[in-house]
Amino acid sequence: MASVSPRRQIQGITKDVVAEPLERKMKKHSHEEILSKLARANELARAGNSQMEICKVLGVSVMTLYRWRKMPLHKSDATFAQCGTLENGGSANAGTMDDMRGVLEDLTVENQRFRKIVADLLLEKTRLEEALAAAVRAGQSRA
């Protein structure tokens, strides 16, 4: 049984409408391709290109680029990124447990200081709001 293709009238010209699949075949990018395209995207972004321009150059959608940027790294890449202070001049084995423990302790102390600052600021804000409310009430009673 032969399928009949629908015909469409466009500006006086009769044209066969070919039924095309609505979905395009998606390409599965390898991890290396994704990393190289992300590196290229970062270069283009530093050069001042917009997201749309970057995506056109890379041949991907904006949503795909966004997903790639949010994507977690593989274990080997995560270890390299964590310790990978090759950018900072260190070696890939610099992240020992003792170093991490020291960093955690420093961050804990810093976090406690920030919590105290936030608590002090909230108390000061509450005092100021109460003083303002009292001043407004006093101003209304005089009028």
Foldseek 3Di string as FASTA:
>chain_A
DDDDFDWDQDPNDIDTDDDDDPDDDDDDDDPVLLVVLLVVLVVVVVVPDDLVVSCVVSVHDSVVNVCSVVDDDPPVVVLCVVQVCVVVVDDSPPDDPVVVVVVVVVVVVVVVVVVVVVVVVVVVVVVVVVVVVVVVVVVVVVD
